[in-house]
């Protein structure tokens, strides 16, 4: 019985240490991460912005529309929004994810500003 208990403690210790090794360094409280696998074997922890507010979702939908992705601006983080985010992520080498990653939000804002500036210069 002692050996089983010792084995159990060892396994729990091993598993908890294995999880800690892969976690991103110094995550802030409340941040959410997801371990992502991709076809090119690029496995990593990715910061995910889950459950964005209505205002944030409307902004993202508006930016996607401006960049040529077709999204009905409802303010709801729904299937159509996730579909277009997935397209955006793939086209910008952010991975095959239908999620709002922190990197997606940053790059989406950057592409939106670049296109808007380019459109103003054309006028």
PDB file of N, CA and C in Angstrom:
ATOM      1  N   UNK A   1       0.830  -1.200   0.000  1.00  0.00           N
ATOM      2  CA  UNK A   1       0.000   0.000   0.000  1.00  0.00           C
ATOM      3  C   UNK A   1       0.867   1.254   0.000  1.00  0.00           C
ATOM      4  N   UNK A   2       1.987   1.201   0.752  1.00  0.00           N
ATOM      5  CA  UNK A   2       2.871   2.357   0.807  1.00  0.00           C
ATOM      6  C   UNK A   2       3.433   2.681  -0.568  1.00  0.00           C
ATOM      7  N   UNK A   3       3.726   1.630  -1.320  1.00  0.00           N
ATOM      8  CA  UNK A   3       4.305   1.835  -2.655  1.00  0.00           C
ATOM      9  C   UNK A   3       3.311   2.499  -3.599  1.00  0.00           C
ATOM     10  N   UNK A   4       2.045   2.130  -3.496  1.00  0.00           N
ATOM     11  CA  UNK A   4       1.021   2.745  -4.324  1.00  0.00           C
ATOM     12  C   UNK A   4       0.873   4.227  -3.986  1.00  0.00           C
ATOM     13  N   UNK A   5       0.908   4.523  -2.706  1.00  0.00           N
ATOM     14  CA  UNK A   5       0.803   5.907  -2.276  1.00  0.00           C
ATOM     15  C   UNK A   5       2.007   6.707  -2.764  1.00  0.00           C
ATOM     16  N   UNK A   6       3.179   6.125  -2.654  1.00  0.00           N
ATOM     17  CA  UNK A   6       4.402   6.781  -3.119  1.00  0.00           C
ATOM     18  C   UNK A   6       4.354   6.984  -4.634  1.00  0.00           C
ATOM     19  N   UNK A   7       3.895   5.981  -5.357  1.00  0.00           N
ATOM     20  CA  UNK A   7       3.758   6.091  -6.811  1.00  0.00           C
ATOM     21  C   UNK A   7       2.748   7.173  -7.182  1.00  0.00           C
ATOM     22  N   UNK A   8       1.643   7.206  -6.468  1.00  0.00           N
ATOM     23  CA  UNK A   8       0.624   8.229  -6.722  1.00  0.00           C
ATOM     24  C   UNK A   8       1.178   9.632  -6.505  1.00  0.00           C
ATOM     25  N   UNK A   9       1.876   9.858  -5.419  1.00  0.00           N
ATOM     26  CA  UNK A   9       2.472  11.166  -5.110  1.00  0.00           C
ATOM     27  C   UNK A   9       3.480  11.543  -6.192  1.00  0.00           C
ATOM     28  N   UNK A  10       4.285  10.588  -6.620  1.00  0.00           N
ATOM     29  CA  UNK A  10       5.267  10.838  -7.674  1.00  0.00           C
ATOM     30  C   UNK A  10       4.584  11.251  -8.976  1.00  0.00           C
ATOM     31  N   UNK A  11       3.544  10.530  -9.367  1.00  0.00           N
ATOM     32  CA  UNK A  11       2.834  10.840 -10.617  1.00  0.00           C
ATOM     33  C   UNK A  11       2.167  12.215 -10.562  1.00  0.00           C
ATOM     34  N   UNK A  12       1.539  12.534  -9.462  1.00  0.00           N
ATOM     35  CA  UNK A  12       0.901  13.844  -9.308  1.00  0.00           C
ATOM     36  C   UNK A  12       1.950  14.941  -9.384  1.00  0.00           C
ATOM     37  N   UNK A  13       3.058  14.749  -8.716  1.00  0.00           N
ATOM     38  CA  UNK A  13       4.144  15.725  -8.742  1.00  0.00           C
ATOM     39  C   UNK A  13       4.698  15.889 -10.153  1.00  0.00           C
ATOM     40  N   UNK A  14       4.906  14.785 -10.841  1.00  0.00           N
ATOM     41  CA  UNK A  14       5.433  14.815 -12.199  1.00  0.00           C
ATOM     42  C   UNK A  14       4.484  15.545 -13.141  1.00  0.00           C
ATOM     43  N   UNK A  15       3.198  15.223 -13.074  1.00  0.00           N
ATOM     44  CA  UNK A  15       2.208  15.842 -13.955  1.00  0.00           C
ATOM     45  C   UNK A  15       2.076  17.337 -13.689  1.00  0.00           C
ATOM     46  N   UNK A  16       2.079  17.735 -12.448  1.00  0.00           N
ATOM     47  CA  UNK A  16       1.942  19.160 -12.144  1.00  0.00           C
ATOM     48  C   UNK A  16       3.170  19.928 -12.608  1.00  0.00           C
ATOM     49  N   UNK A  17       4.350  19.351 -12.473  1.00  0.00           N
ATOM     50  CA  UNK A  17       5.562  20.014 -12.965  1.00  0.00           C
ATOM     51  C   UNK A  17       5.583  20.078 -14.480  1.00  0.00           C
ATOM     52  N   UNK A  18       5.100  19.049 -15.152  1.00  0.00           N
ATOM     53  CA  UNK A  18       5.073  19.040 -16.611  1.00  0.00           C
ATOM     54  C   UNK A  18       4.165  20.148 -17.117  1.00  0.00           C
ATOM     55  N   UNK A  19       3.059  20.401 -16.463  1.00  0.00           N
ATOM     56  CA  UNK A  19       2.140  21.458 -16.864  1.00  0.00           C
ATOM     57  C   UNK A  19       2.782  22.823 -16.672  1.00  0.00           C
ATOM     58  N   UNK A  20       3.474  23.012 -15.572  1.00  0.00           N
ATOM     59  CA  UNK A  20       4.075  24.303 -15.272  1.00  0.00           C
ATOM     60  C   UNK A  20       5.170  24.662 -16.257  1.00  0.00           C
ATOM     61  N   UNK A  21       5.901  23.692 -16.743  1.00  0.00           N
ATOM     62  CA  UNK A  21       7.004  23.950 -17.664  1.00  0.00           C
ATOM     63  C   UNK A  21       6.499  24.596 -18.949  1.00  0.00           C
ATOM     64  N   UNK A  22       5.340  24.172 -19.427  1.00  0.00           N
ATOM     65  CA  UNK A  22       4.833  24.650 -20.704  1.00  0.00           C
ATOM     66  C   UNK A  22       4.054  25.957 -20.625  1.00  0.00           C
ATOM     67  N   UNK A  23       3.671  26.377 -19.442  1.00  0.00           N
ATOM     68  CA  UNK A  23       2.884  27.594 -19.319  1.00  0.00           C
ATOM     69  C   UNK A  23       3.704  28.817 -19.709  1.00  0.00           C
ATOM     70  N   UNK A  24       3.051  29.861 -20.260  1.00  0.00           N
ATOM     71  CA  UNK A  24       3.793  31.069 -20.596  1.00  0.00           C
ATOM     72  C   UNK A  24       4.361  31.711 -19.342  1.00  0.00           C
ATOM     73  N   UNK A  25       5.469  32.405 -19.505  1.00  0.00           N
ATOM     74  CA  UNK A  25       6.103  33.038 -18.352  1.00  0.00           C
ATOM     75  C   UNK A  25       5.305  34.254 -17.894  1.00  0.00           C
ATOM     76  N   UNK A  26       5.127  34.362 -16.610  1.00  0.00           N
ATOM     77  CA  UNK A  26       4.497  35.504 -15.954  1.00  0.00           C
ATOM     78  C   UNK A  26       3.133  35.902 -16.525  1.00  0.00           C
ATOM     79  N   UNK A  27       2.183  34.976 -16.648  1.00  0.00           N
ATOM     80  CA  UNK A  27       0.857  35.406 -17.102  1.00  0.00           C
ATOM     81  C   UNK A  27       0.200  36.260 -16.026  1.00  0.00           C
ATOM     82  N   UNK A  28      -0.533  37.269 -16.455  1.00  0.00           N
ATOM     83  CA  UNK A  28      -1.219  38.128 -15.500  1.00  0.00           C
ATOM     84  C   UNK A  28      -2.509  37.463 -15.048  1.00  0.00           C
ATOM     85  N   UNK A  29      -2.943  37.840 -13.870  1.00  0.00           N
ATOM     86  CA  UNK A  29      -4.169  37.268 -13.327  1.00  0.00           C
ATOM     87  C   UNK A  29      -5.333  37.621 -14.245  1.00  0.00           C
ATOM     88  N   UNK A  30      -6.154  36.645 -14.548  1.00  0.00           N
ATOM     89  CA  UNK A  30      -7.327  36.858 -15.379  1.00  0.00           C
ATOM     90  C   UNK A  30      -7.074  36.626 -16.858  1.00  0.00           C
ATOM     91  N   UNK A  31      -5.809  36.510 -17.276  1.00  0.00           N
ATOM     92  CA  UNK A  31      -5.528  36.242 -18.682  1.00  0.00           C
ATOM     93  C   UNK A  31      -5.821  34.779 -18.976  1.00  0.00           C
ATOM     94  N   UNK A  32      -6.332  34.530 -20.177  1.00  0.00           N
ATOM     95  CA  UNK A  32      -6.659  33.159 -20.554  1.00  0.00           C
ATOM     96  C   UNK A  32      -5.750  32.728 -21.697  1.00  0.00           C
ATOM     97  N   UNK A  33      -5.225  31.531 -21.571  1.00  0.00           N
ATOM     98  CA  UNK A  33      -4.340  30.962 -22.580  1.00  0.00           C
ATOM     99  C   UNK A  33      -4.894  29.623 -23.039  1.00  0.00           C
ATOM    100  N   UNK A  34      -4.590  29.280 -24.268  1.00  0.00           N
ATOM    101  CA  UNK A  34      -5.005  28.006 -24.816  1.00  0.00           C
ATOM    102  C   UNK A  34      -3.798  27.379 -25.502  1.00  0.00           C
ATOM    103  N   UNK A  35      -3.587  26.119 -25.285  1.00  0.00           N
ATOM    104  CA  UNK A  35      -2.469  25.434 -25.929  1.00  0.00           C
ATOM    105  C   UNK A  35      -2.927  25.038 -27.316  1.00  0.00           C
ATOM    106  N   UNK A  36      -2.256  25.545 -28.332  1.00  0.00           N
ATOM    107  CA  UNK A  36      -2.674  25.340 -29.716  1.00  0.00           C
ATOM    108  C   UNK A  36      -1.701  24.450 -30.461  1.00  0.00           C
ATOM    109  N   UNK A  37      -2.262  23.553 -31.224  1.00  0.00           N
ATOM    110  CA  UNK A  37      -1.501  22.687 -32.107  1.00  0.00           C
ATOM    111  C   UNK A  37      -1.783  23.127 -33.535  1.00  0.00           C
ATOM    112  N   UNK A  38      -0.783  23.073 -34.396  1.00  0.00           N
ATOM    113  CA  UNK A  38      -1.018  23.409 -35.789  1.00  0.00           C
ATOM    114  C   UNK A  38      -0.405  22.352 -36.688  1.00  0.00           C
ATOM    115  N   UNK A  39      -0.759  22.382 -37.962  1.00  0.00           N
ATOM    116  CA  UNK A  39      -0.308  21.380 -38.915  1.00  0.00           C
ATOM    117  C   UNK A  39       1.210  21.371 -39.062  1.00  0.00           C
ATOM    118  N   UNK A  40       1.844  22.517 -38.865  1.00  0.00           N
ATOM    119  CA  UNK A  40       3.294  22.582 -39.031  1.00  0.00           C
ATOM    120  C   UNK A  40       4.032  22.252 -37.725  1.00  0.00           C
ATOM    121  N   UNK A  41       3.346  21.602 -36.809  1.00  0.00           N
ATOM    122  CA  UNK A  41       3.910  21.180 -35.517  1.00  0.00           C
ATOM    123  C   UNK A  41       4.380  22.354 -34.669  1.00  0.00           C
ATOM    124  N   UNK A  42       3.817  23.505 -34.883  1.00  0.00           N
ATOM    125  CA  UNK A  42       4.150  24.680 -34.081  1.00  0.00           C
ATOM    126  C   UNK A  42       3.180  24.728 -32.910  1.00  0.00           C
ATOM    127  N   UNK A  43       3.573  24.114 -31.814  1.00  0.00           N
ATOM    128  CA  UNK A  43       2.712  24.037 -30.639  1.00  0.00           C
ATOM    129  C   UNK A  43       3.125  25.118 -29.657  1.00  0.00           C
ATOM    130  N   UNK A  44       2.148  25.859 -29.156  1.00  0.00           N
ATOM    131  CA  UNK A  44       2.481  26.948 -28.242  1.00  0.00           C
ATOM    132  C   UNK A  44       1.248  27.366 -27.444  1.00  0.00           C
ATOM    133  N   UNK A  45       1.500  28.105 -26.375  1.00  0.00           N
ATOM    134  CA  UNK A  45       0.430  28.726 -25.611  1.00  0.00           C
ATOM    135  C   UNK A  45       0.074  30.036 -26.289  1.00  0.00           C
ATOM    136  N   UNK A  46      -1.216  30.274 -26.486  1.00  0.00           N
ATOM    137  CA  UNK A  46      -1.679  31.483 -27.159  1.00  0.00           C
ATOM    138  C   UNK A  46      -2.657  32.200 -26.237  1.00  0.00           C
ATOM    139  N   UNK A  47      -2.452  33.499 -26.087  1.00  0.00           N
ATOM    140  CA  UNK A  47      -3.358  34.298 -25.264  1.00  0.00           C
ATOM    141  C   UNK A  47      -4.663  34.488 -26.028  1.00  0.00           C
ATOM    142  N   UNK A  48      -5.763  34.168 -25.382  1.00  0.00           N
ATOM    143  CA  UNK A  48      -7.087  34.222 -26.004  1.00  0.00           C
ATOM    144  C   UNK A  48      -7.939  35.255 -25.279  1.00  0.00           C
ATOM    145  N   UNK A  49      -8.636  36.067 -26.045  1.00  0.00           N
ATOM    146  CA  UNK A  49      -9.583  37.023 -25.476  1.00  0.00           C
ATOM    147  C   UNK A  49     -10.972  36.411 -25.624  1.00  0.00           C
ATOM    148  N   UNK A  50     -11.411  35.710 -24.609  1.00  0.00           N
ATOM    149  CA  UNK A  50     -12.701  35.036 -24.690  1.00  0.00           C
ATOM    150  C   UNK A  50     -13.809  35.962 -24.210  1.00  0.00           C
ATOM    151  N   UNK A  51     -14.975  35.763 -24.758  1.00  0.00           N
ATOM    152  CA  UNK A  51     -16.157  36.533 -24.415  1.00  0.00           C
ATOM    153  C   UNK A  51     -15.935  38.048 -24.501  1.00  0.00           C
ATOM    154  N   UNK A  52     -15.574  38.543 -25.687  1.00  0.00           N
ATOM    155  CA  UNK A  52     -15.400  39.993 -25.813  1.00  0.00           C
ATOM    156  C   UNK A  52     -16.728  40.709 -25.615  1.00  0.00           C
ATOM    157  N   UNK A  53     -16.660  41.936 -25.146  1.00  0.00           N
ATOM    158  CA  UNK A  53     -17.876  42.716 -24.909  1.00  0.00           C
ATOM    159  C   UNK A  53     -18.556  43.044 -26.233  1.00  0.00           C
ATOM    160  N   UNK A  54     -19.787  43.519 -26.138  1.00  0.00           N
ATOM    161  CA  UNK A  54     -20.546  43.877 -27.347  1.00  0.00           C
ATOM    162  C   UNK A  54     -19.816  44.984 -28.111  1.00  0.00           C
ATOM    163  N   UNK A  55     -19.294  45.954 -27.389  1.00  0.00           N
ATOM    164  CA  UNK A  55     -18.587  47.068 -28.011  1.00  0.00           C
ATOM    165  C   UNK A  55     -17.326  46.579 -28.741  1.00  0.00           C
ATOM    166  N   UNK A  56     -16.573  45.711 -28.096  1.00  0.00           N
ATOM    167  CA  UNK A  56     -15.362  45.155 -28.714  1.00  0.00           C
ATOM    168  C   UNK A  56     -15.723  44.328 -29.942  1.00  0.00           C
ATOM    169  N   UNK A  57     -16.769  43.526 -29.835  1.00  0.00           N
ATOM    170  CA  UNK A  57     -17.203  42.693 -30.957  1.00  0.00           C
ATOM    171  C   UNK A  57     -17.652  43.556 -32.128  1.00  0.00           C
ATOM    172  N   UNK A  58     -18.411  44.620 -31.860  1.00  0.00           N
ATOM    173  CA  UNK A  58     -18.840  45.525 -32.938  1.00  0.00           C
ATOM    174  C   UNK A  58     -17.632  46.151 -33.632  1.00  0.00           C
ATOM    175  N   UNK A  59     -16.644  46.535 -32.857  1.00  0.00           N
ATOM    176  CA  UNK A  59     -15.430  47.134 -33.396  1.00  0.00           C
ATOM    177  C   UNK A  59     -14.695  46.137 -34.293  1.00  0.00           C
ATOM    178  N   UNK A  60     -14.570  44.910 -33.834  1.00  0.00           N
ATOM    179  CA  UNK A  60     -13.899  43.867 -34.607  1.00  0.00           C
ATOM    180  C   UNK A  60     -14.668  43.583 -35.895  1.00  0.00           C
ATOM    181  N   UNK A  61     -15.980  43.488 -35.797  1.00  0.00           N
ATOM    182  CA  UNK A  61     -16.801  43.245 -36.981  1.00  0.00           C
ATOM    183  C   UNK A  61     -16.675  44.386 -37.980  1.00  0.00           C
ATOM    184  N   UNK A  62     -16.657  45.599 -37.491  1.00  0.00           N
ATOM    185  CA  UNK A  62     -16.495  46.768 -38.355  1.00  0.00           C
ATOM    186  C   UNK A  62     -15.139  46.750 -39.058  1.00  0.00           C
ATOM    187  N   UNK A  63     -14.085  46.428 -38.315  1.00  0.00           N
ATOM    188  CA  UNK A  63     -12.741  46.368 -38.900  1.00  0.00           C
ATOM    189  C   UNK A  63     -12.652  45.254 -39.939  1.00  0.00           C
ATOM    190  N   UNK A  64     -13.238  44.107 -39.640  1.00  0.00           N
ATOM    191  CA  UNK A  64     -13.235  43.005 -40.605  1.00  0.00           C
ATOM    192  C   UNK A  64     -13.953  43.408 -41.893  1.00  0.00           C
ATOM    193  N   UNK A  65     -15.104  44.063 -41.761  1.00  0.00           N
ATOM    194  CA  UNK A  65     -15.841  44.518 -42.939  1.00  0.00           C
ATOM    195  C   UNK A  65     -15.018  45.493 -43.768  1.00  0.00           C
ATOM    196  N   UNK A  66     -14.361  46.416 -43.115  1.00  0.00           N
ATOM    197  CA  UNK A  66     -13.559  47.419 -43.804  1.00  0.00           C
ATOM    198  C   UNK A  66     -12.407  46.774 -44.579  1.00  0.00           C
ATOM    199  N   UNK A  67     -11.906  45.668 -44.040  1.00  0.00           N
ATOM    200  CA  UNK A  67     -10.799  44.962 -44.687  1.00  0.00           C
ATOM    201  C   UNK A  67     -11.264  43.969 -45.756  1.00  0.00           C
ATOM    202  N   UNK A  68     -12.572  43.899 -45.995  1.00  0.00           N
ATOM    203  CA  UNK A  68     -13.088  43.054 -47.070  1.00  0.00           C
ATOM    204  C   UNK A  68     -13.657  41.719 -46.638  1.00  0.00           C
ATOM    205  N   UNK A  69     -13.706  41.464 -45.363  1.00  0.00           N
ATOM    206  CA  UNK A  69     -14.337  40.249 -44.855  1.00  0.00           C
ATOM    207  C   UNK A  69     -15.815  40.566 -44.646  1.00  0.00           C
ATOM    208  N   UNK A  70     -16.678  39.633 -44.953  1.00  0.00           N
ATOM    209  CA  UNK A  70     -18.112  39.899 -44.893  1.00  0.00           C
ATOM    210  C   UNK A  70     -18.667  39.432 -43.549  1.00  0.00           C
ATOM    211  N   UNK A  71     -19.070  40.417 -42.740  1.00  0.00           N
ATOM    212  CA  UNK A  71     -19.616  40.143 -41.404  1.00  0.00           C
ATOM    213  C   UNK A  71     -20.788  41.086 -41.167  1.00  0.00           C
ATOM    214  N   UNK A  72     -21.897  40.543 -40.693  1.00  0.00           N
ATOM    215  CA  UNK A  72     -23.020  41.379 -40.292  1.00  0.00           C
ATOM    216  C   UNK A  72     -22.684  41.921 -38.910  1.00  0.00           C
ATOM    217  N   UNK A  73     -22.720  43.235 -38.759  1.00  0.00           N
ATOM    218  CA  UNK A  73     -22.323  43.878 -37.503  1.00  0.00           C
ATOM    219  C   UNK A  73     -23.457  43.817 -36.485  1.00  0.00           C
ATOM    220  N   UNK A  74     -23.446  42.745 -35.706  1.00  0.00           N
ATOM    221  CA  UNK A  74     -24.498  42.514 -34.721  1.00  0.00           C
ATOM    222  C   UNK A  74     -24.045  42.813 -33.293  1.00  0.00           C
ATOM    223  N   UNK A  75     -22.733  42.828 -33.081  1.00  0.00           N
ATOM    224  CA  UNK A  75     -22.221  42.991 -31.726  1.00  0.00           C
ATOM    225  C   UNK A  75     -22.200  41.689 -30.951  1.00  0.00           C
ATOM    226  N   UNK A  76     -22.529  40.597 -31.638  1.00  0.00           N
ATOM    227  CA  UNK A  76     -22.532  39.271 -31.024  1.00  0.00           C
ATOM    228  C   UNK A  76     -21.364  38.475 -31.598  1.00  0.00           C
ATOM    229  N   UNK A  77     -20.568  37.871 -30.736  1.00  0.00           N
ATOM    230  CA  UNK A  77     -19.420  37.077 -31.169  1.00  0.00           C
ATOM    231  C   UNK A  77     -19.937  35.711 -31.610  1.00  0.00           C
ATOM    232  N   UNK A  78     -20.462  35.659 -32.819  1.00  0.00           N
ATOM    233  CA  UNK A  78     -21.163  34.485 -33.316  1.00  0.00           C
ATOM    234  C   UNK A  78     -20.348  33.721 -34.351  1.00  0.00           C
ATOM    235  N   UNK A  79     -21.003  32.750 -34.982  1.00  0.00           N
ATOM    236  CA  UNK A  79     -20.349  31.857 -35.936  1.00  0.00           C
ATOM    237  C   UNK A  79     -19.753  32.616 -37.121  1.00  0.00           C
ATOM    238  N   UNK A  80     -20.505  33.566 -37.669  1.00  0.00           N
ATOM    239  CA  UNK A  80     -20.006  34.303 -38.839  1.00  0.00           C
ATOM    240  C   UNK A  80     -18.766  35.121 -38.485  1.00  0.00           C
ATOM    241  N   UNK A  81     -18.738  35.688 -37.307  1.00  0.00           N
ATOM    242  CA  UNK A  81     -17.579  36.467 -36.871  1.00  0.00           C
ATOM    243  C   UNK A  81     -16.384  35.542 -36.683  1.00  0.00           C
ATOM    244  N   UNK A  82     -16.602  34.403 -36.048  1.00  0.00           N
ATOM    245  CA  UNK A  82     -15.529  33.438 -35.841  1.00  0.00           C
ATOM    246  C   UNK A  82     -14.986  32.922 -37.174  1.00  0.00           C
ATOM    247  N   UNK A  83     -15.881  32.700 -38.133  1.00  0.00           N
ATOM    248  CA  UNK A  83     -15.472  32.240 -39.462  1.00  0.00           C
ATOM    249  C   UNK A  83     -14.534  33.247 -40.128  1.00  0.00           C
ATOM    250  N   UNK A  84     -14.899  34.513 -40.074  1.00  0.00           N
ATOM    251  CA  UNK A  84     -14.084  35.551 -40.713  1.00  0.00           C
ATOM    252  C   UNK A  84     -12.782  35.785 -39.936  1.00  0.00           C
ATOM    253  N   UNK A  85     -12.822  35.656 -38.626  1.00  0.00           N
ATOM    254  CA  UNK A  85     -11.593  35.753 -37.826  1.00  0.00           C
ATOM    255  C   UNK A  85     -10.639  34.611 -38.180  1.00  0.00           C
ATOM    256  N   UNK A  86     -11.200  33.438 -38.402  1.00  0.00           N
ATOM    257  CA  UNK A  86     -10.379  32.292 -38.792  1.00  0.00           C
ATOM    258  C   UNK A  86      -9.694  32.578 -40.128  1.00  0.00           C
ATOM    259  N   UNK A  87     -10.450  33.120 -41.081  1.00  0.00           N
ATOM    260  CA  UNK A  87      -9.869  33.496 -42.376  1.00  0.00           C
ATOM    261  C   UNK A  87      -8.748  34.512 -42.193  1.00  0.00           C
ATOM    262  N   UNK A  88      -9.014  35.526 -41.386  1.00  0.00           N
ATOM    263  CA  UNK A  88      -8.015  36.568 -41.121  1.00  0.00           C
ATOM    264  C   UNK A  88      -6.766  35.961 -40.478  1.00  0.00           C
ATOM    265  N   UNK A  89      -6.959  35.098 -39.492  1.00  0.00           N
ATOM    266  CA  UNK A  89      -5.829  34.455 -38.822  1.00  0.00           C
ATOM    267  C   UNK A  89      -4.988  33.631 -39.793  1.00  0.00           C
ATOM    268  N   UNK A  90      -5.636  32.873 -40.650  1.00  0.00           N
ATOM    269  CA  UNK A  90      -4.920  32.042 -41.618  1.00  0.00           C
ATOM    270  C   UNK A  90      -4.153  32.912 -42.607  1.00  0.00           C
ATOM    271  N   UNK A  91      -4.806  33.933 -43.152  1.00  0.00           N
ATOM    272  CA  UNK A  91      -4.176  34.800 -44.148  1.00  0.00           C
ATOM    273  C   UNK A  91      -3.015  35.605 -43.579  1.00  0.00           C
ATOM    274  N   UNK A  92      -2.998  35.805 -42.284  1.00  0.00           N
ATOM    275  CA  UNK A  92      -1.935  36.591 -41.654  1.00  0.00           C
ATOM    276  C   UNK A  92      -0.982  35.730 -40.822  1.00  0.00           C
ATOM    277  N   UNK A  93      -0.980  34.430 -41.109  1.00  0.00           N
ATOM    278  CA  UNK A  93      -0.060  33.479 -40.466  1.00  0.00           C
ATOM    279  C   UNK A  93      -0.148  33.464 -38.944  1.00  0.00           C
ATOM    280  N   UNK A  94      -1.359  33.620 -38.427  1.00  0.00           N
ATOM    281  CA  UNK A  94      -1.569  33.560 -36.978  1.00  0.00           C
ATOM    282  C   UNK A  94      -2.083  32.198 -36.537  1.00  0.00           C
ATOM    283  N   UNK A  95      -2.305  31.312 -37.486  1.00  0.00           N
ATOM    284  CA  UNK A  95      -2.778  29.970 -37.167  1.00  0.00           C
ATOM    285  C   UNK A  95      -4.195  29.752 -37.647  1.00  0.00           C
ATOM    286  N   UNK A  96      -4.606  28.508 -37.607  1.00  0.00           N
ATOM    287  CA  UNK A  96      -5.922  28.099 -38.078  1.00  0.00           C
ATOM    288  C   UNK A  96      -6.895  28.080 -36.904  1.00  0.00           C
ATOM    289  N   UNK A  97      -7.157  29.265 -36.351  1.00  0.00           N
ATOM    290  CA  UNK A  97      -7.981  29.375 -35.157  1.00  0.00           C
ATOM    291  C   UNK A  97      -9.163  30.310 -35.403  1.00  0.00           C
ATOM    292  N   UNK A  98     -10.340  29.869 -34.984  1.00  0.00           N
ATOM    293  CA  UNK A  98     -11.535  30.696 -35.077  1.00  0.00           C
ATOM    294  C   UNK A  98     -11.749  31.410 -33.745  1.00  0.00           C
ATOM    295  N   UNK A  99     -10.683  31.986 -33.238  1.00  0.00           N
ATOM    296  CA  UNK A  99     -10.711  32.631 -31.929  1.00  0.00           C
ATOM    297  C   UNK A  99     -10.203  34.050 -32.039  1.00  0.00           C
ATOM    298  N   UNK A 100     -10.512  34.833 -31.044  1.00  0.00           N
ATOM    299  CA  UNK A 100      -9.965  36.175 -30.961  1.00  0.00           C
ATOM    300  C   UNK A 100      -8.712  36.096 -30.105  1.00  0.00           C
ATOM    301  N   UNK A 101      -7.582  35.964 -30.772  1.00  0.00           N
ATOM    302  CA  UNK A 101      -6.299  35.929 -30.071  1.00  0.00           C
ATOM    303  C   UNK A 101      -5.867  37.360 -29.799  1.00  0.00           C
ATOM    304  N   UNK A 102      -5.024  37.543 -28.828  1.00  0.00           N
ATOM    305  CA  UNK A 102      -4.490  38.881 -28.555  1.00  0.00           C
ATOM    306  C   UNK A 102      -3.738  39.383 -29.782  1.00  0.00           C
ATOM    307  N   UNK A 103      -2.995  38.487 -30.428  1.00  0.00           N
ATOM    308  CA  UNK A 103      -2.246  38.858 -31.636  1.00  0.00           C
ATOM    309  C   UNK A 103      -3.196  39.225 -32.782  1.00  0.00           C
ATOM    310  N   UNK A 104      -4.344  38.562 -32.857  1.00  0.00           N
ATOM    311  CA  UNK A 104      -5.333  38.855 -33.894  1.00  0.00           C
ATOM    312  C   UNK A 104      -5.869  40.271 -33.717  1.00  0.00           C
ATOM    313  N   UNK A 105      -6.233  40.604 -32.487  1.00  0.00           N
ATOM    314  CA  UNK A 105      -6.784  41.932 -32.221  1.00  0.00           C
ATOM    315  C   UNK A 105      -5.774  43.020 -32.569  1.00  0.00           C
ATOM    316  N   UNK A 106      -4.518  42.820 -32.196  1.00  0.00           N
ATOM    317  CA  UNK A 106      -3.467  43.795 -32.473  1.00  0.00           C
ATOM    318  C   UNK A 106      -3.236  43.954 -33.975  1.00  0.00           C
ATOM    319  N   UNK A 107      -3.123  42.823 -34.687  1.00  0.00           N
ATOM    320  CA  UNK A 107      -2.866  42.876 -36.126  1.00  0.00           C
ATOM    321  C   UNK A 107      -4.067  43.401 -36.894  1.00  0.00           C
ATOM    322  N   UNK A 108      -5.263  43.061 -36.452  1.00  0.00           N
ATOM    323  CA  UNK A 108      -6.478  43.552 -37.092  1.00  0.00           C
ATOM    324  C   UNK A 108      -6.538  45.077 -36.999  1.00  0.00           C
ATOM    325  N   UNK A 109      -6.240  45.609 -35.840  1.00  0.00           N
ATOM    326  CA  UNK A 109      -6.220  47.058 -35.645  1.00  0.00           C
ATOM    327  C   UNK A 109      -5.168  47.700 -36.550  1.00  0.00           C
ATOM    328  N   UNK A 110      -3.993  47.081 -36.643  1.00  0.00           N
ATOM    329  CA  UNK A 110      -2.904  47.608 -37.470  1.00  0.00           C
ATOM    330  C   UNK A 110      -3.293  47.619 -38.949  1.00  0.00           C
ATOM    331  N   UNK A 111      -3.838  46.495 -39.441  1.00  0.00           N
ATOM    332  CA  UNK A 111      -4.252  46.400 -40.858  1.00  0.00           C
ATOM    333  C   UNK A 111      -5.371  47.400 -41.174  1.00  0.00           C
ATOM    334  N   UNK A 112      -6.287  47.567 -40.223  1.00  0.00           N
ATOM    335  CA  UNK A 112      -7.389  48.510 -40.392  1.00  0.00           C
ATOM    336  C   UNK A 112      -6.851  49.932 -40.545  1.00  0.00           C
ATOM    337  N   UNK A 113      -5.928  50.325 -39.665  1.00  0.00           N
ATOM    338  CA  UNK A 113      -5.359  51.674 -39.728  1.00  0.00           C
ATOM    339  C   UNK A 113      -4.563  51.881 -41.011  1.00  0.00           C
ATOM    340  N   UNK A 114      -3.808  50.874 -41.426  1.00  0.00           N
ATOM    341  CA  UNK A 114      -3.030  50.970 -42.662  1.00  0.00           C
ATOM    342  C   UNK A 114      -3.946  51.175 -43.866  1.00  0.00           C
ATOM    343  N   UNK A 115      -5.025  50.395 -43.942  1.00  0.00           N
ATOM    344  CA  UNK A 115      -5.945  50.495 -45.085  1.00  0.00           C
ATOM    345  C   UNK A 115      -6.671  51.826 -45.066  1.00  0.00           C
ATOM    346  N   UNK A 116      -7.088  52.272 -43.901  1.00  0.00           N
ATOM    347  CA  UNK A 116      -7.789  53.549 -43.794  1.00  0.00           C
ATOM    348  C   UNK A 116      -6.872  54.690 -44.224  1.00  0.00           C
ATOM    349  N   UNK A 117      -5.619  54.646 -43.798  1.00  0.00           N
ATOM    350  CA  UNK A 117      -4.640  55.665 -44.181  1.00  0.00           C
ATOM    351  C   UNK A 117      -4.392  55.631 -45.689  1.00  0.00           C
ATOM    352  N   UNK A 118      -4.291  54.434 -46.235  1.00  0.00           N
ATOM    353  CA  UNK A 118      -4.085  54.267 -47.676  1.00  0.00           C
ATOM    354  C   UNK A 118      -5.275  54.813 -48.460  1.00  0.00           C
ATOM    355  N   UNK A 119      -6.491  54.550 -47.970  1.00  0.00           N
ATOM    356  CA  UNK A 119      -7.700  55.041 -48.639  1.00  0.00           C
ATOM    357  C   UNK A 119      -7.791  56.564 -48.572  1.00  0.00           C
ATOM    358  N   UNK A 120      -7.356  57.160 -47.473  1.00  0.00           N
ATOM    359  CA  UNK A 120      -7.374  58.616 -47.345  1.00  0.00           C
ATOM    360  C   UNK A 120      -6.385  59.245 -48.302  1.00  0.00           C
ATOM    361  N   UNK A 121      -5.227  58.623 -48.474  1.00  0.00           N
ATOM    362  CA  UNK A 121      -4.204  59.159 -49.386  1.00  0.00           C
ATOM    363  C   UNK A 121      -4.641  59.086 -50.844  1.00  0.00           C
ATOM    364  N   UNK A 122      -5.484  58.124 -51.176  1.00  0.00           N
ATOM    365  CA  UNK A 122      -6.003  57.981 -52.541  1.00  0.00           C
ATOM    366  C   UNK A 122      -7.002  59.086 -52.875  1.00  0.00           C
ATOM    367  N   UNK A 123      -7.670  59.587 -51.858  1.00  0.00           N
ATOM    368  CA  UNK A 123      -8.729  60.602 -52.071  1.00  0.00           C
ATOM    369  C   UNK A 123      -8.166  61.951 -52.443  1.00  0.00           C
TER     370      UNK A 123
END
